[in-house]
Amino acid sequence: MEYNFTMENFEKEVLQSDIPVLVDFYADWCGPCKMMAPVIAALAEEFEGKMKIGKCDTEENMPLAQKYRVASIPNMQVFKNGEVVANFVGGMSKDALREKLQRVLN
């Protein structure tokens, strides 16, 4: 299941999550973000139960993008116990992102 993180649910769904959370900060106008969309969706299914994976629209949730210093997108940040523990910027293959997420989980 792919999540949609917003100002309203970020505290509960991301910061208070019992499992790690990957937040893909994106924008609809961003070409590389569009290329990452199917990768994010596929990994959300693959990591179900081990990690929450979802998207956060930087245009609609600008205060979150600013708080987490999202300067360029796609910007994927992994949160564990309310803290950012990993940050990946730019497009990448499904295999490359999967490998990075596995490292965070181990």
C-alpha atoms as a PDB file:
ATOM      1  CA  MET A   1       0.000   0.000   0.000  1.00  0.00           C
ATOM      2  CA  GLU A   2       1.337   3.379  -0.999  1.00  0.00           C
ATOM      3  CA  TYR A   3       0.643   6.206   1.453  1.00  0.00           C
ATOM      4  CA  ASN A   4      -0.055   9.872   0.785  1.00  0.00           C
ATOM      5  CA  PHE A   5       1.632  11.972   3.462  1.00  0.00           C
ATOM      6  CA  THR A   6       0.275  15.465   4.184  1.00  0.00           C
ATOM      7  CA  MET A   7       0.571  18.209   6.785  1.00  0.00           C
ATOM      8  CA  GLU A   8      -2.476  16.695   8.493  1.00  0.00           C
ATOM      9  CA  ASN A   9      -1.221  13.101   8.841  1.00  0.00           C
ATOM     10  CA  PHE A  10       2.605  13.448   8.858  1.00  0.00           C
ATOM     11  CA  GLU A  11       2.956  13.410  12.652  1.00  0.00           C
ATOM     12  CA  LYS A  12       0.866  10.249  13.064  1.00  0.00           C
ATOM     13  CA  GLU A  13       1.814   8.309   9.907  1.00  0.00           C
ATOM     14  CA  VAL A  14       5.531   9.191   9.732  1.00  0.00           C
ATOM     15  CA  LEU A  15       6.936  10.535  12.986  1.00  0.00           C
ATOM     16  CA  GLN A  16       4.967   8.200  15.279  1.00  0.00           C
ATOM     17  CA  SER A  17       5.188   5.106  13.054  1.00  0.00           C
ATOM     18  CA  ASP A  18       6.248   1.811  14.652  1.00  0.00           C
ATOM     19  CA  ILE A  19       8.122   0.851  11.482  1.00  0.00           C
ATOM     20  CA  PRO A  20      10.499   2.858   9.236  1.00  0.00           C
ATOM     21  CA  VAL A  21       8.870   5.185   6.705  1.00  0.00           C
ATOM     22  CA  LEU A  22      10.121   6.249   3.266  1.00  0.00           C
ATOM     23  CA  VAL A  23       8.740   9.643   2.264  1.00  0.00           C
ATOM     24  CA  ASP A  24       9.123  10.507  -1.419  1.00  0.00           C
ATOM     25  CA  PHE A  25       8.989  14.304  -1.624  1.00  0.00           C
ATOM     26  CA  TYR A  26       7.832  15.085  -5.176  1.00  0.00           C
ATOM     27  CA  ALA A  27       5.941  17.532  -7.407  1.00  0.00           C
ATOM     28  CA  ASP A  28       3.598  16.821 -10.325  1.00  0.00           C
ATOM     29  CA  TRP A  29       5.673  18.986 -12.702  1.00  0.00           C
ATOM     30  CA  CYS A  30       8.918  17.083 -11.959  1.00  0.00           C
ATOM     31  CA  GLY A  31       9.982  14.686 -14.759  1.00  0.00           C
ATOM     32  CA  PRO A  32      12.314  12.493 -12.637  1.00  0.00           C
ATOM     33  CA  CYS A  33       9.572  12.316  -9.967  1.00  0.00           C
ATOM     34  CA  LYS A  34       7.174  10.906 -12.563  1.00  0.00           C
ATOM     35  CA  MET A  35       9.806   8.319 -13.532  1.00  0.00           C
ATOM     36  CA  MET A  36      10.130   7.291  -9.867  1.00  0.00           C
ATOM     37  CA  ALA A  37       6.361   6.952  -9.305  1.00  0.00           C
ATOM     38  CA  PRO A  38       6.070   3.319 -10.519  1.00  0.00           C
ATOM     39  CA  VAL A  39       9.238   2.391  -8.602  1.00  0.00           C
ATOM     40  CA  ILE A  40       7.834   3.865  -5.379  1.00  0.00           C
ATOM     41  CA  ALA A  41       4.481   2.121  -5.944  1.00  0.00           C
ATOM     42  CA  ALA A  42       6.123  -1.267  -6.592  1.00  0.00           C
ATOM     43  CA  LEU A  43       8.421  -1.024  -3.554  1.00  0.00           C
ATOM     44  CA  ALA A  44       5.467   0.038  -1.378  1.00  0.00           C
ATOM     45  CA  GLU A  45       3.902  -3.354  -2.184  1.00  0.00           C
ATOM     46  CA  GLU A  46       7.175  -5.237  -1.755  1.00  0.00           C
ATOM     47  CA  PHE A  47       8.005  -3.729   1.647  1.00  0.00           C
ATOM     48  CA  GLU A  48       4.433  -3.886   3.015  1.00  0.00           C
ATOM     49  CA  GLY A  49       4.573  -4.579   6.767  1.00  0.00           C
ATOM     50  CA  LYS A  50       8.319  -3.852   6.990  1.00  0.00           C
ATOM     51  CA  MET A  51       8.326  -0.201   5.904  1.00  0.00           C
ATOM     52  CA  LYS A  52       5.662   2.372   5.073  1.00  0.00           C
ATOM     53  CA  ILE A  53       6.337   3.909   1.682  1.00  0.00           C
ATOM     54  CA  GLY A  54       4.532   6.923   0.343  1.00  0.00           C
ATOM     55  CA  LYS A  55       4.606  10.317  -1.296  1.00  0.00           C
ATOM     56  CA  CYS A  56       4.438  13.903  -0.104  1.00  0.00           C
ATOM     57  CA  ASP A  57       3.578  16.618  -2.630  1.00  0.00           C
ATOM     58  CA  THR A  58       5.999  19.500  -1.960  1.00  0.00           C
ATOM     59  CA  GLU A  59       3.652  22.030  -3.584  1.00  0.00           C
ATOM     60  CA  GLU A  60       0.747  21.156  -1.283  1.00  0.00           C
ATOM     61  CA  ASN A  61       2.896  20.594   1.819  1.00  0.00           C
ATOM     62  CA  MET A  62       5.542  23.322   1.505  1.00  0.00           C
ATOM     63  CA  PRO A  63       6.125  23.652   5.291  1.00  0.00           C
ATOM     64  CA  LEU A  64       7.117  19.956   5.424  1.00  0.00           C
ATOM     65  CA  ALA A  65       9.431  20.338   2.429  1.00  0.00           C
ATOM     66  CA  GLN A  66      11.062  23.338   4.091  1.00  0.00           C
ATOM     67  CA  LYS A  67      11.355  21.660   7.503  1.00  0.00           C
ATOM     68  CA  TYR A  68      13.147  18.662   6.004  1.00  0.00           C
ATOM     69  CA  ARG A  69      15.325  20.828   3.716  1.00  0.00           C
ATOM     70  CA  VAL A  70      14.007  19.447   0.445  1.00  0.00           C
ATOM     71  CA  ALA A  71      15.965  21.549  -2.052  1.00  0.00           C
ATOM     72  CA  SER A  72      15.763  19.249  -5.071  1.00  0.00           C
ATOM     73  CA  ILE A  73      13.334  16.506  -5.996  1.00  0.00           C
ATOM     74  CA  PRO A  74      12.748  13.628  -6.099  1.00  0.00           C
ATOM     75  CA  ASN A  75      14.007  13.559  -2.537  1.00  0.00           C
ATOM     76  CA  MET A  76      13.406  10.360  -0.597  1.00  0.00           C
ATOM     77  CA  GLN A  77      13.906  10.420   3.147  1.00  0.00           C
ATOM     78  CA  VAL A  78      13.685   7.449   5.495  1.00  0.00           C
ATOM     79  CA  PHE A  79      12.343   8.145   8.978  1.00  0.00           C
ATOM     80  CA  LYS A  80      12.921   5.823  11.924  1.00  0.00           C
ATOM     81  CA  ASN A  81      11.584   6.711  15.378  1.00  0.00           C
ATOM     82  CA  GLY A  82      10.703  10.206  14.149  1.00  0.00           C
ATOM     83  CA  GLU A  83      14.217  10.968  12.834  1.00  0.00           C
ATOM     84  CA  VAL A  84      15.622  11.076   9.299  1.00  0.00           C
ATOM     85  CA  VAL A  85      18.090   8.179   9.050  1.00  0.00           C
ATOM     86  CA  ALA A  86      18.692   8.180   5.274  1.00  0.00           C
ATOM     87  CA  ASN A  87      18.238  10.560   2.369  1.00  0.00           C
ATOM     88  CA  PHE A  88      18.365   9.765  -1.358  1.00  0.00           C
ATOM     89  CA  VAL A  89      18.120  12.481  -4.004  1.00  0.00           C
ATOM     90  CA  GLY A  90      17.373  11.990  -7.693  1.00  0.00           C
ATOM     91  CA  GLY A  91      16.027   9.231  -9.858  1.00  0.00           C
ATOM     92  CA  MET A  92      17.329   5.667  -9.564  1.00  0.00           C
ATOM     93  CA  SER A  93      16.415   2.160 -10.561  1.00  0.00           C
ATOM     94  CA  LYS A  94      14.082  -0.027  -8.537  1.00  0.00           C
ATOM     95  CA  ASP A  95      16.984  -2.357  -7.712  1.00  0.00           C
ATOM     96  CA  ALA A  96      19.183   0.512  -6.508  1.00  0.00           C
ATOM     97  CA  LEU A  97      16.458   1.943  -4.260  1.00  0.00           C
ATOM     98  CA  ARG A  98      15.522  -1.531  -2.958  1.00  0.00           C
ATOM     99  CA  GLU A  99      19.170  -2.122  -1.991  1.00  0.00           C
ATOM    100  CA  LYS A 100      19.328   1.210  -0.116  1.00  0.00           C
ATOM    101  CA  LEU A 101      16.095   0.429   1.744  1.00  0.00           C
ATOM    102  CA  GLN A 102      17.326  -3.059   2.673  1.00  0.00           C
ATOM    103  CA  ARG A 103      20.450  -1.460   4.214  1.00  0.00           C
ATOM    104  CA  VAL A 104      18.264   0.824   6.329  1.00  0.00           C
ATOM    105  CA  LEU A 105      16.220  -2.154   7.561  1.00  0.00           C
ATOM    106  CA  ASN A 106      19.258  -4.297   8.468  1.00  0.00           C
END
